PDB file of N, CA and C in Angstrom:
ATOM      1  N   UNK A   1      99.087 198.776 -68.713  1.00  0.00           N
ATOM      2  CA  UNK A   1      98.999 199.817 -67.708  1.00  0.00           C
ATOM      3  C   UNK A   1      98.597 201.119 -68.394  1.00  0.00           C
ATOM      4  N   UNK A   2      97.728 201.860 -67.752  1.00  0.00           N
ATOM      5  CA  UNK A   2      97.259 203.144 -68.268  1.00  0.00           C
ATOM      6  C   UNK A   2      97.704 204.232 -67.298  1.00  0.00           C
ATOM      7  N   UNK A   3      98.384 205.225 -67.807  1.00  0.00           N
ATOM      8  CA  UNK A   3      98.878 206.292 -66.943  1.00  0.00           C
ATOM      9  C   UNK A   3      98.812 207.613 -67.691  1.00  0.00           C
ATOM     10  N   UNK A   4      98.383 208.650 -67.010  1.00  0.00           N
ATOM     11  CA  UNK A   4      98.341 209.983 -67.609  1.00  0.00           C
ATOM     12  C   UNK A   4      99.645 210.698 -67.299  1.00  0.00           C
ATOM     13  N   UNK A   5     100.320 211.128 -68.338  1.00  0.00           N
ATOM     14  CA  UNK A   5     101.562 211.880 -68.189  1.00  0.00           C
ATOM     15  C   UNK A   5     101.489 213.080 -69.126  1.00  0.00           C
ATOM     16  N   UNK A   6     102.454 213.967 -68.995  1.00  0.00           N
ATOM     17  CA  UNK A   6     102.467 215.157 -69.829  1.00  0.00           C
ATOM     18  C   UNK A   6     102.719 214.831 -71.295  1.00  0.00           C
ATOM     19  N   UNK A   7     102.365 215.784 -72.150  1.00  0.00           N
ATOM     20  CA  UNK A   7     102.593 215.625 -73.590  1.00  0.00           C
ATOM     21  C   UNK A   7     104.080 215.383 -73.827  1.00  0.00           C
ATOM     22  N   UNK A   8     104.368 214.351 -74.600  1.00  0.00           N
ATOM     23  CA  UNK A   8     105.755 214.020 -74.906  1.00  0.00           C
ATOM     24  C   UNK A   8     106.402 213.058 -73.931  1.00  0.00           C
ATOM     25  N   UNK A   9     105.737 212.754 -72.824  1.00  0.00           N
ATOM     26  CA  UNK A   9     106.303 211.848 -71.824  1.00  0.00           C
ATOM     27  C   UNK A   9     105.806 210.415 -71.983  1.00  0.00           C
ATOM     28  N   UNK A  10     104.794 210.216 -72.811  1.00  0.00           N
ATOM     29  CA  UNK A  10     104.204 208.885 -72.927  1.00  0.00           C
ATOM     30  C   UNK A  10     104.395 208.283 -74.301  1.00  0.00           C
ATOM     31  N   UNK A  11     103.481 207.406 -74.664  1.00  0.00           N
ATOM     32  CA  UNK A  11     103.578 206.650 -75.910  1.00  0.00           C
ATOM     33  C   UNK A  11     102.837 207.274 -77.090  1.00  0.00           C
ATOM     34  N   UNK A  12     102.041 208.301 -76.851  1.00  0.00           N
ATOM     35  CA  UNK A  12     101.260 208.913 -77.932  1.00  0.00           C
ATOM     36  C   UNK A  12     102.186 209.709 -78.852  1.00  0.00           C
ATOM     37  N   UNK A  13     102.030 209.504 -80.141  1.00  0.00           N
ATOM     38  CA  UNK A  13     102.822 210.229 -81.140  1.00  0.00           C
ATOM     39  C   UNK A  13     102.135 211.567 -81.426  1.00  0.00           C
ATOM     40  N   UNK A  14     102.418 212.567 -80.592  1.00  0.00           N
ATOM     41  CA  UNK A  14     101.771 213.864 -80.741  1.00  0.00           C
ATOM     42  C   UNK A  14     102.205 214.587 -82.007  1.00  0.00           C
ATOM     43  N   UNK A  15     103.404 214.333 -82.494  1.00  0.00           N
ATOM     44  CA  UNK A  15     103.820 214.935 -83.772  1.00  0.00           C
ATOM     45  C   UNK A  15     102.872 214.496 -84.885  1.00  0.00           C
ATOM     46  N   UNK A  16     102.579 213.208 -84.934  1.00  0.00           N
ATOM     47  CA  UNK A  16     101.659 212.683 -85.952  1.00  0.00           C
ATOM     48  C   UNK A  16     100.243 213.205 -85.727  1.00  0.00           C
ATOM     49  N   UNK A  17      99.822 213.283 -84.477  1.00  0.00           N
ATOM     50  CA  UNK A  17      98.486 213.790 -84.165  1.00  0.00           C
ATOM     51  C   UNK A  17      98.328 215.228 -84.653  1.00  0.00           C
ATOM     52  N   UNK A  18      99.260 216.096 -84.289  1.00  0.00           N
ATOM     53  CA  UNK A  18      99.167 217.495 -84.704  1.00  0.00           C
ATOM     54  C   UNK A  18      99.317 217.644 -86.216  1.00  0.00           C
ATOM     55  N   UNK A  19     100.179 216.851 -86.812  1.00  0.00           N
ATOM     56  CA  UNK A  19     100.345 216.891 -88.272  1.00  0.00           C
ATOM     57  C   UNK A  19      99.018 216.553 -88.963  1.00  0.00           C
ATOM     58  N   UNK A  20      98.360 215.509 -88.484  1.00  0.00           N
ATOM     59  CA  UNK A  20      97.076 215.108 -89.064  1.00  0.00           C
ATOM     60  C   UNK A  20      96.022 216.194 -88.871  1.00  0.00           C
ATOM     61  N   UNK A  21      95.962 216.783 -87.684  1.00  0.00           N
ATOM     62  CA  UNK A  21      94.993 217.857 -87.444  1.00  0.00           C
ATOM     63  C   UNK A  21      95.271 219.065 -88.340  1.00  0.00           C
ATOM     64  N   UNK A  22      96.555 219.386 -88.551  1.00  0.00           N
ATOM     65  CA  UNK A  22      96.894 220.490 -89.468  1.00  0.00           C
ATOM     66  C   UNK A  22      96.503 220.143 -90.894  1.00  0.00           C
ATOM     67  N   UNK A  23      96.788 218.916 -91.330  1.00  0.00           N
ATOM     68  CA  UNK A  23      96.460 218.494 -92.699  1.00  0.00           C
ATOM     69  C   UNK A  23      94.957 218.577 -92.964  1.00  0.00           C
ATOM     70  N   UNK A  24      94.151 218.267 -91.962  1.00  0.00           N
ATOM     71  CA  UNK A  24      92.700 218.333 -92.154  1.00  0.00           C
ATOM     72  C   UNK A  24      92.146 219.728 -91.846  1.00  0.00           C
ATOM     73  N   UNK A  25      93.065 220.673 -91.564  1.00  0.00           N
ATOM     74  CA  UNK A  25      92.692 222.069 -91.277  1.00  0.00           C
ATOM     75  C   UNK A  25      91.666 222.148 -90.145  1.00  0.00           C
ATOM     76  N   UNK A  26      91.925 221.362 -89.108  1.00  0.00           N
ATOM     77  CA  UNK A  26      91.020 221.273 -87.964  1.00  0.00           C
ATOM     78  C   UNK A  26      90.728 222.638 -87.350  1.00  0.00           C
ATOM     79  N   UNK A  27      91.751 223.448 -87.136  1.00  0.00           N
ATOM     80  CA  UNK A  27      91.582 224.740 -86.465  1.00  0.00           C
ATOM     81  C   UNK A  27      90.792 225.738 -87.295  1.00  0.00           C
ATOM     82  N   UNK A  28      90.642 225.472 -88.595  1.00  0.00           N
ATOM     83  CA  UNK A  28      89.937 226.400 -89.482  1.00  0.00           C
ATOM     84  C   UNK A  28      88.480 226.001 -89.723  1.00  0.00           C
ATOM     85  N   UNK A  29      88.069 224.868 -89.186  1.00  0.00           N
ATOM     86  CA  UNK A  29      86.725 224.355 -89.460  1.00  0.00           C
ATOM     87  C   UNK A  29      85.675 224.982 -88.549  1.00  0.00           C
ATOM     88  N   UNK A  30      84.457 224.976 -89.025  1.00  0.00           N
ATOM     89  CA  UNK A  30      83.294 225.351 -88.222  1.00  0.00           C
ATOM     90  C   UNK A  30      82.391 224.126 -88.167  1.00  0.00           C
ATOM     91  N   UNK A  31      81.983 223.772 -86.971  1.00  0.00           N
ATOM     92  CA  UNK A  31      81.185 222.569 -86.775  1.00  0.00           C
ATOM     93  C   UNK A  31      79.719 222.917 -86.535  1.00  0.00           C
ATOM     94  N   UNK A  32      78.829 222.030 -86.961  1.00  0.00           N
ATOM     95  CA  UNK A  32      77.388 222.261 -86.816  1.00  0.00           C
ATOM     96  C   UNK A  32      76.993 222.423 -85.351  1.00  0.00           C
ATOM     97  N   UNK A  33      77.599 221.644 -84.495  1.00  0.00           N
ATOM     98  CA  UNK A  33      77.311 221.728 -83.066  1.00  0.00           C
ATOM     99  C   UNK A  33      78.502 222.386 -82.383  1.00  0.00           C
ATOM    100  N   UNK A  34      78.281 223.485 -81.737  1.00  0.00           N
ATOM    101  CA  UNK A  34      79.343 224.149 -80.997  1.00  0.00           C
ATOM    102  C   UNK A  34      80.106 225.188 -81.789  1.00  0.00           C
ATOM    103  N   UNK A  35      80.154 225.052 -83.104  1.00  0.00           N
ATOM    104  CA  UNK A  35      80.815 226.054 -83.939  1.00  0.00           C
ATOM    105  C   UNK A  35      82.314 225.894 -84.029  1.00  0.00           C
ATOM    106  N   UNK A  36      83.040 226.411 -83.050  1.00  0.00           N
ATOM    107  CA  UNK A  36      84.498 226.430 -83.106  1.00  0.00           C
ATOM    108  C   UNK A  36      85.089 225.063 -82.767  1.00  0.00           C
ATOM    109  N   UNK A  37      86.254 224.759 -83.353  1.00  0.00           N
ATOM    110  CA  UNK A  37      86.941 223.517 -82.998  1.00  0.00           C
ATOM    111  C   UNK A  37      87.485 223.606 -81.569  1.00  0.00           C
ATOM    112  N   UNK A  38      87.451 222.504 -80.870  1.00  0.00           N
ATOM    113  CA  UNK A  38      87.917 222.466 -79.485  1.00  0.00           C
ATOM    114  C   UNK A  38      88.913 221.325 -79.331  1.00  0.00           C
ATOM    115  N   UNK A  39      90.016 221.605 -78.672  1.00  0.00           N
ATOM    116  CA  UNK A  39      90.976 220.579 -78.283  1.00  0.00           C
ATOM    117  C   UNK A  39      91.004 220.585 -76.759  1.00  0.00           C
ATOM    118  N   UNK A  40      90.798 219.435 -76.149  1.00  0.00           N
ATOM    119  CA  UNK A  40      90.778 219.334 -74.692  1.00  0.00           C
ATOM    120  C   UNK A  40      91.855 218.362 -74.233  1.00  0.00           C
ATOM    121  N   UNK A  41      92.437 218.662 -73.098  1.00  0.00           N
ATOM    122  CA  UNK A  41      93.409 217.757 -72.496  1.00  0.00           C
ATOM    123  C   UNK A  41      92.987 217.475 -71.059  1.00  0.00           C
ATOM    124  N   UNK A  42      93.419 216.352 -70.540  1.00  0.00           N
ATOM    125  CA  UNK A  42      93.149 215.989 -69.148  1.00  0.00           C
ATOM    126  C   UNK A  42      94.480 215.849 -68.439  1.00  0.00           C
ATOM    127  N   UNK A  43      94.743 216.756 -67.548  1.00  0.00           N
ATOM    128  CA  UNK A  43      95.989 216.726 -66.788  1.00  0.00           C
ATOM    129  C   UNK A  43      95.661 216.370 -65.345  1.00  0.00           C
ATOM    130  N   UNK A  44      95.959 215.151 -64.979  1.00  0.00           N
ATOM    131  CA  UNK A  44      95.775 214.733 -63.598  1.00  0.00           C
ATOM    132  C   UNK A  44      96.698 213.567 -63.318  1.00  0.00           C
ATOM    133  N   UNK A  45      96.856 213.273 -62.065  1.00  0.00           N
ATOM    134  CA  UNK A  45      97.729 212.179 -61.675  1.00  0.00           C
ATOM    135  C   UNK A  45      99.019 212.658 -61.037  1.00  0.00           C
ATOM    136  N   UNK A  46      99.442 213.854 -61.406  1.00  0.00           N
ATOM    137  CA  UNK A  46     100.661 214.437 -60.853  1.00  0.00           C
ATOM    138  C   UNK A  46     100.383 215.898 -60.505  1.00  0.00           C
ATOM    139  N   UNK A  47      99.693 216.159 -59.390  1.00  0.00           N
ATOM    140  CA  UNK A  47      99.305 217.532 -59.062  1.00  0.00           C
ATOM    141  C   UNK A  47     100.484 218.494 -58.982  1.00  0.00           C
ATOM    142  N   UNK A  48     101.642 217.997 -58.591  1.00  0.00           N
ATOM    143  CA  UNK A  48     102.814 218.871 -58.467  1.00  0.00           C
ATOM    144  C   UNK A  48     103.304 219.372 -59.828  1.00  0.00           C
ATOM    145  N   UNK A  49     102.906 218.713 -60.911  1.00  0.00           N
ATOM    146  CA  UNK A  49     103.324 219.111 -62.257  1.00  0.00           C
ATOM    147  C   UNK A  49     102.280 219.960 -62.982  1.00  0.00           C
ATOM    148  N   UNK A  50     101.045 219.937 -62.504  1.00  0.00           N
ATOM    149  CA  UNK A  50      99.947 220.561 -63.253  1.00  0.00           C
ATOM    150  C   UNK A  50     100.145 222.050 -63.493  1.00  0.00           C
ATOM    151  N   UNK A  51     100.724 222.741 -62.541  1.00  0.00           N
ATOM    152  CA  UNK A  51     100.875 224.194 -62.656  1.00  0.00           C
ATOM    153  C   UNK A  51     101.631 224.576 -63.923  1.00  0.00           C
ATOM    154  N   UNK A  52     102.714 223.871 -64.215  1.00  0.00           N
ATOM    155  CA  UNK A  52     103.480 224.209 -65.422  1.00  0.00           C
ATOM    156  C   UNK A  52     103.051 223.386 -66.634  1.00  0.00           C
ATOM    157  N   UNK A  53     102.581 222.153 -66.429  1.00  0.00           N
ATOM    158  CA  UNK A  53     102.157 221.348 -67.577  1.00  0.00           C
ATOM    159  C   UNK A  53     100.929 221.933 -68.265  1.00  0.00           C
ATOM    160  N   UNK A  54     100.032 222.539 -67.509  1.00  0.00           N
ATOM    161  CA  UNK A  54      98.843 223.146 -68.118  1.00  0.00           C
ATOM    162  C   UNK A  54      99.248 224.265 -69.073  1.00  0.00           C
ATOM    163  N   UNK A  55     100.170 225.108 -68.643  1.00  0.00           N
ATOM    164  CA  UNK A  55     100.643 226.216 -69.484  1.00  0.00           C
ATOM    165  C   UNK A  55     101.400 225.671 -70.691  1.00  0.00           C
ATOM    166  N   UNK A  56     102.303 224.730 -70.467  1.00  0.00           N
ATOM    167  CA  UNK A  56     103.086 224.151 -71.566  1.00  0.00           C
ATOM    168  C   UNK A  56     102.187 223.473 -72.598  1.00  0.00           C
ATOM    169  N   UNK A  57     101.168 222.766 -72.127  1.00  0.00           N
ATOM    170  CA  UNK A  57     100.266 222.067 -73.038  1.00  0.00           C
ATOM    171  C   UNK A  57      99.459 223.057 -73.869  1.00  0.00           C
ATOM    172  N   UNK A  58      98.935 224.099 -73.224  1.00  0.00           N
ATOM    173  CA  UNK A  58      98.188 225.123 -73.965  1.00  0.00           C
ATOM    174  C   UNK A  58      99.074 225.790 -75.013  1.00  0.00           C
ATOM    175  N   UNK A  59     100.300 226.137 -74.635  1.00  0.00           N
ATOM    176  CA  UNK A  59     101.223 226.773 -75.575  1.00  0.00           C
ATOM    177  C   UNK A  59     101.570 225.844 -76.735  1.00  0.00           C
ATOM    178  N   UNK A  60     101.734 224.559 -76.460  1.00  0.00           N
ATOM    179  CA  UNK A  60     102.025 223.588 -77.511  1.00  0.00           C
ATOM    180  C   UNK A  60     100.872 223.509 -78.508  1.00  0.00           C
ATOM    181  N   UNK A  61      99.654 223.424 -78.006  1.00  0.00           N
ATOM    182  CA  UNK A  61      98.483 223.362 -78.888  1.00  0.00           C
ATOM    183  C   UNK A  61      98.392 224.620 -79.740  1.00  0.00           C
ATOM    184  N   UNK A  62      98.614 225.781 -79.134  1.00  0.00           N
ATOM    185  CA  UNK A  62      98.570 227.037 -79.894  1.00  0.00           C
ATOM    186  C   UNK A  62      99.643 227.061 -80.982  1.00  0.00           C
ATOM    187  N   UNK A  63     100.845 226.623 -80.642  1.00  0.00           N
ATOM    188  CA  UNK A  63     101.938 226.588 -81.637  1.00  0.00           C
ATOM    189  C   UNK A  63     101.621 225.633 -82.772  1.00  0.00           C
ATOM    190  N   UNK A  64     101.175 224.451 -82.429  1.00  0.00           N
ATOM    191  CA  UNK A  64     100.973 223.401 -83.425  1.00  0.00           C
ATOM    192  C   UNK A  64      99.754 223.627 -84.310  1.00  0.00           C
ATOM    193  N   UNK A  65      98.679 224.150 -83.739  1.00  0.00           N
ATOM    194  CA  UNK A  65      97.439 224.272 -84.509  1.00  0.00           C
ATOM    195  C   UNK A  65      97.120 225.699 -84.939  1.00  0.00           C
ATOM    196  N   UNK A  66      97.561 226.681 -84.169  1.00  0.00           N
ATOM    197  CA  UNK A  66      97.245 228.069 -84.496  1.00  0.00           C
ATOM    198  C   UNK A  66      98.465 228.833 -84.991  1.00  0.00           C
ATOM    199  N   UNK A  67      99.618 228.185 -84.923  1.00  0.00           N
ATOM    200  CA  UNK A  67     100.890 228.780 -85.359  1.00  0.00           C
ATOM    201  C   UNK A  67     101.177 230.094 -84.652  1.00  0.00           C
ATOM    202  N   UNK A  68     100.926 230.104 -83.335  1.00  0.00           N
ATOM    203  CA  UNK A  68     101.214 231.293 -82.513  1.00  0.00           C
ATOM    204  C   UNK A  68     102.571 231.186 -81.889  1.00  0.00           C
TER     205      UNK A  68
END
């Protein structure tokens, strides 16, 4: 079964994902196409949760990769 849920609610090991991205200095890289590094998320399936999950997800990415 495939289901989209918020970060931390499913089976993906986001701690390992962010750790790996930090180790490879993903946020500090410049890419030939597009230039800046981009992290994208897809939040759908639970419209009643999107209002707060979008903010929480953005804040998590900033904390984990930009140390904000």
